[in-house]
Amino acid sequence: MSIVRDPDWLFQAFANLLANAIKCTPVGGIISARCTQLNDKTCFSVSDSGPGIDPAIRIECSKDSTVRN
């Protein structure tokens, strides 16, 4: 996903990822948020020990990805 320096959109996207991780991670689970630099790109990721996305709807979720130019 590419984002052209829209700080409000970036904040909302990252906040949504964190909120989802918090909501879906069981008590005592682990949430990890990372920010890494790779050449001229900054990568953000959030992972958690929750159950994940149901495989039956995983493909549908990937169709809703948004690319900002």
N, C-alpha and C. Protein backbone atom coordinates (compact mmCIF):
# COMPACT_ATOMS: atom_id res chain seq x y z
N MET A 1 0.85 -1.15 0.00
CA MET A 1 0.00 0.00 0.00
C MET A 1 0.90 1.23 0.00
N SER A 2 0.62 2.19 -0.83
CA SER A 2 1.38 3.43 -0.87
C SER A 2 0.53 4.56 -0.30
N ILE A 3 1.16 5.38 0.49
CA ILE A 3 0.46 6.52 1.09
C ILE A 3 1.29 7.76 0.83
N VAL A 4 0.67 8.76 0.26
CA VAL A 4 1.37 10.01 0.00
C VAL A 4 1.13 10.95 1.16
N ARG A 5 1.99 10.98 2.06
CA ARG A 5 2.05 11.92 3.18
C ARG A 5 0.72 12.56 3.59
N ASP A 6 -0.24 11.74 3.87
CA ASP A 6 -1.50 12.22 4.41
C ASP A 6 -1.52 11.80 5.88
N PRO A 7 -1.03 12.65 6.77
CA PRO A 7 -0.87 12.24 8.16
C PRO A 7 -2.18 11.85 8.84
N ASP A 8 -3.27 12.49 8.50
CA ASP A 8 -4.55 12.13 9.11
C ASP A 8 -4.98 10.73 8.71
N TRP A 9 -4.85 10.42 7.42
CA TRP A 9 -5.22 9.10 6.93
C TRP A 9 -4.29 8.04 7.51
N LEU A 10 -3.01 8.32 7.55
CA LEU A 10 -2.04 7.38 8.10
C LEU A 10 -2.32 7.11 9.57
N PHE A 11 -2.59 8.15 10.33
CA PHE A 11 -2.91 7.98 11.75
C PHE A 11 -4.14 7.11 11.91
N GLN A 12 -5.18 7.37 11.14
CA GLN A 12 -6.42 6.61 11.25
C GLN A 12 -6.21 5.14 10.88
N ALA A 13 -5.44 4.90 9.82
CA ALA A 13 -5.17 3.52 9.40
C ALA A 13 -4.42 2.76 10.50
N PHE A 14 -3.40 3.38 11.06
CA PHE A 14 -2.62 2.72 12.11
C PHE A 14 -3.46 2.54 13.38
N ALA A 15 -4.26 3.54 13.71
CA ALA A 15 -5.15 3.43 14.88
C ALA A 15 -6.15 2.29 14.70
N ASN A 16 -6.67 2.13 13.49
CA ASN A 16 -7.60 1.03 13.22
C ASN A 16 -6.93 -0.32 13.39
N LEU A 17 -5.69 -0.45 12.90
CA LEU A 17 -4.97 -1.71 13.06
C LEU A 17 -4.75 -2.03 14.54
N LEU A 18 -4.35 -1.03 15.30
CA LEU A 18 -4.12 -1.25 16.73
C LEU A 18 -5.43 -1.57 17.46
N ALA A 19 -6.50 -0.85 17.13
CA ALA A 19 -7.79 -1.09 17.78
C ALA A 19 -8.27 -2.51 17.50
N ASN A 20 -8.10 -2.96 16.26
CA ASN A 20 -8.51 -4.32 15.91
C ASN A 20 -7.68 -5.34 16.69
N ALA A 21 -6.39 -5.11 16.80
CA ALA A 21 -5.53 -6.03 17.54
C ALA A 21 -5.94 -6.09 19.01
N ILE A 22 -6.24 -4.94 19.59
CA ILE A 22 -6.66 -4.90 20.99
C ILE A 22 -7.99 -5.63 21.17
N LYS A 23 -8.91 -5.41 20.26
CA LYS A 23 -10.23 -6.02 20.35
C LYS A 23 -10.17 -7.54 20.19
N CYS A 24 -9.29 -8.03 19.34
CA CYS A 24 -9.28 -9.45 18.98
C CYS A 24 -8.25 -10.29 19.73
N THR A 25 -7.43 -9.66 20.53
CA THR A 25 -6.40 -10.41 21.26
C THR A 25 -6.94 -10.80 22.63
N PRO A 26 -6.86 -12.07 22.96
CA PRO A 26 -7.36 -12.50 24.27
C PRO A 26 -6.51 -11.93 25.41
N VAL A 27 -7.09 -11.90 26.60
CA VAL A 27 -6.36 -11.45 27.78
C VAL A 27 -5.09 -12.29 27.91
N GLY A 28 -3.98 -11.62 28.14
CA GLY A 28 -2.69 -12.31 28.24
C GLY A 28 -2.02 -12.52 26.90
N GLY A 29 -2.69 -12.10 25.81
CA GLY A 29 -2.11 -12.25 24.47
C GLY A 29 -1.04 -11.21 24.21
N ILE A 30 -0.49 -11.25 23.02
CA ILE A 30 0.62 -10.36 22.66
C ILE A 30 0.23 -9.53 21.44
N ILE A 31 0.51 -8.23 21.52
CA ILE A 31 0.34 -7.32 20.39
C ILE A 31 1.70 -6.70 20.12
N SER A 32 2.09 -6.69 18.86
CA SER A 32 3.38 -6.12 18.47
C SER A 32 3.15 -5.08 17.39
N ALA A 33 3.69 -3.89 17.58
CA ALA A 33 3.63 -2.83 16.56
C ALA A 33 5.06 -2.49 16.19
N ARG A 34 5.32 -2.43 14.88
CA ARG A 34 6.68 -2.15 14.42
C ARG A 34 6.69 -1.06 13.37
N CYS A 35 7.77 -0.34 13.34
CA CYS A 35 8.03 0.64 12.30
C CYS A 35 9.47 0.40 11.86
N THR A 36 9.65 0.09 10.59
CA THR A 36 10.99 -0.17 10.07
C THR A 36 11.25 0.68 8.83
N GLN A 37 12.50 0.95 8.59
CA GLN A 37 12.92 1.71 7.42
C GLN A 37 13.60 0.75 6.45
N LEU A 38 13.18 0.75 5.20
CA LEU A 38 13.78 -0.08 4.17
C LEU A 38 14.05 0.80 2.96
N ASN A 39 15.31 1.12 2.77
CA ASN A 39 15.71 2.06 1.72
C ASN A 39 14.94 3.37 1.90
N ASP A 40 14.12 3.75 0.93
CA ASP A 40 13.39 5.01 1.03
C ASP A 40 11.95 4.82 1.49
N LYS A 41 11.63 3.65 2.03
CA LYS A 41 10.26 3.36 2.45
C LYS A 41 10.21 3.11 3.96
N THR A 42 9.13 3.54 4.56
CA THR A 42 8.87 3.26 5.96
C THR A 42 7.73 2.25 6.02
N CYS A 43 7.93 1.19 6.77
CA CYS A 43 6.93 0.12 6.86
C CYS A 43 6.39 0.03 8.28
N PHE A 44 5.07 0.02 8.40
CA PHE A 44 4.41 -0.17 9.69
C PHE A 44 3.74 -1.53 9.67
N SER A 45 3.79 -2.22 10.79
CA SER A 45 3.06 -3.48 10.89
C SER A 45 2.54 -3.67 12.30
N VAL A 46 1.43 -4.36 12.38
CA VAL A 46 0.82 -4.71 13.66
C VAL A 46 0.50 -6.20 13.59
N SER A 47 0.90 -6.92 14.61
CA SER A 47 0.54 -8.34 14.69
C SER A 47 0.03 -8.63 16.09
N ASP A 48 -0.76 -9.69 16.20
CA ASP A 48 -1.29 -10.05 17.51
C ASP A 48 -1.46 -11.56 17.59
N SER A 49 -1.73 -12.04 18.79
CA SER A 49 -1.90 -13.47 19.00
C SER A 49 -3.37 -13.86 19.02
N GLY A 50 -4.21 -13.03 18.41
CA GLY A 50 -5.63 -13.33 18.32
C GLY A 50 -5.89 -14.44 17.30
N PRO A 51 -7.15 -14.79 17.09
CA PRO A 51 -7.49 -15.92 16.23
C PRO A 51 -7.28 -15.66 14.74
N GLY A 52 -7.12 -14.42 14.33
CA GLY A 52 -6.92 -14.12 12.91
C GLY A 52 -8.24 -14.03 12.17
N ILE A 53 -8.13 -13.80 10.88
CA ILE A 53 -9.32 -13.65 10.03
C ILE A 53 -9.78 -15.04 9.58
N ASP A 54 -11.07 -15.27 9.69
CA ASP A 54 -11.66 -16.53 9.24
C ASP A 54 -11.28 -16.77 7.78
N PRO A 55 -10.69 -17.92 7.47
CA PRO A 55 -10.28 -18.21 6.09
C PRO A 55 -11.42 -18.05 5.08
N ALA A 56 -12.65 -18.24 5.51
CA ALA A 56 -13.79 -18.12 4.60
C ALA A 56 -13.99 -16.70 4.10
N ILE A 57 -13.53 -15.70 4.85
CA ILE A 57 -13.71 -14.31 4.42
C ILE A 57 -12.38 -13.61 4.12
N ARG A 58 -11.27 -14.29 4.28
CA ARG A 58 -9.95 -13.67 4.09
C ARG A 58 -9.79 -13.08 2.69
N ILE A 59 -10.23 -13.78 1.67
CA ILE A 59 -10.10 -13.28 0.29
C ILE A 59 -10.92 -12.01 0.11
N GLU A 60 -12.12 -11.98 0.67
CA GLU A 60 -12.96 -10.79 0.55
C GLU A 60 -12.30 -9.58 1.21
N CYS A 61 -11.65 -9.79 2.34
CA CYS A 61 -10.99 -8.69 3.03
C CYS A 61 -9.87 -8.09 2.18
N SER A 62 -9.14 -8.93 1.49
CA SER A 62 -8.02 -8.43 0.69
C SER A 62 -8.49 -7.63 -0.51
N LYS A 63 -9.72 -7.81 -0.95
CA LYS A 63 -10.26 -7.05 -2.08
C LYS A 63 -10.54 -5.61 -1.70
N ASP A 64 -10.66 -5.32 -0.41
CA ASP A 64 -11.01 -3.98 0.05
C ASP A 64 -9.80 -3.11 0.33
N SER A 65 -8.60 -3.54 -0.06
CA SER A 65 -7.42 -2.74 0.23
C SER A 65 -7.47 -1.43 -0.54
N THR A 66 -6.90 -0.40 0.04
CA THR A 66 -6.93 0.93 -0.54
C THR A 66 -5.52 1.40 -0.83
N VAL A 67 -5.33 1.96 -1.99
CA VAL A 67 -4.04 2.55 -2.35
C VAL A 67 -4.25 4.04 -2.53
N ARG A 68 -3.46 4.81 -1.82
CA ARG A 68 -3.57 6.27 -1.91
C ARG A 68 -2.40 6.80 -2.72
N ASN A 69 -2.68 7.62 -3.71
CA ASN A 69 -1.62 8.24 -4.52
C ASN A 69 -1.57 9.72 -4.28
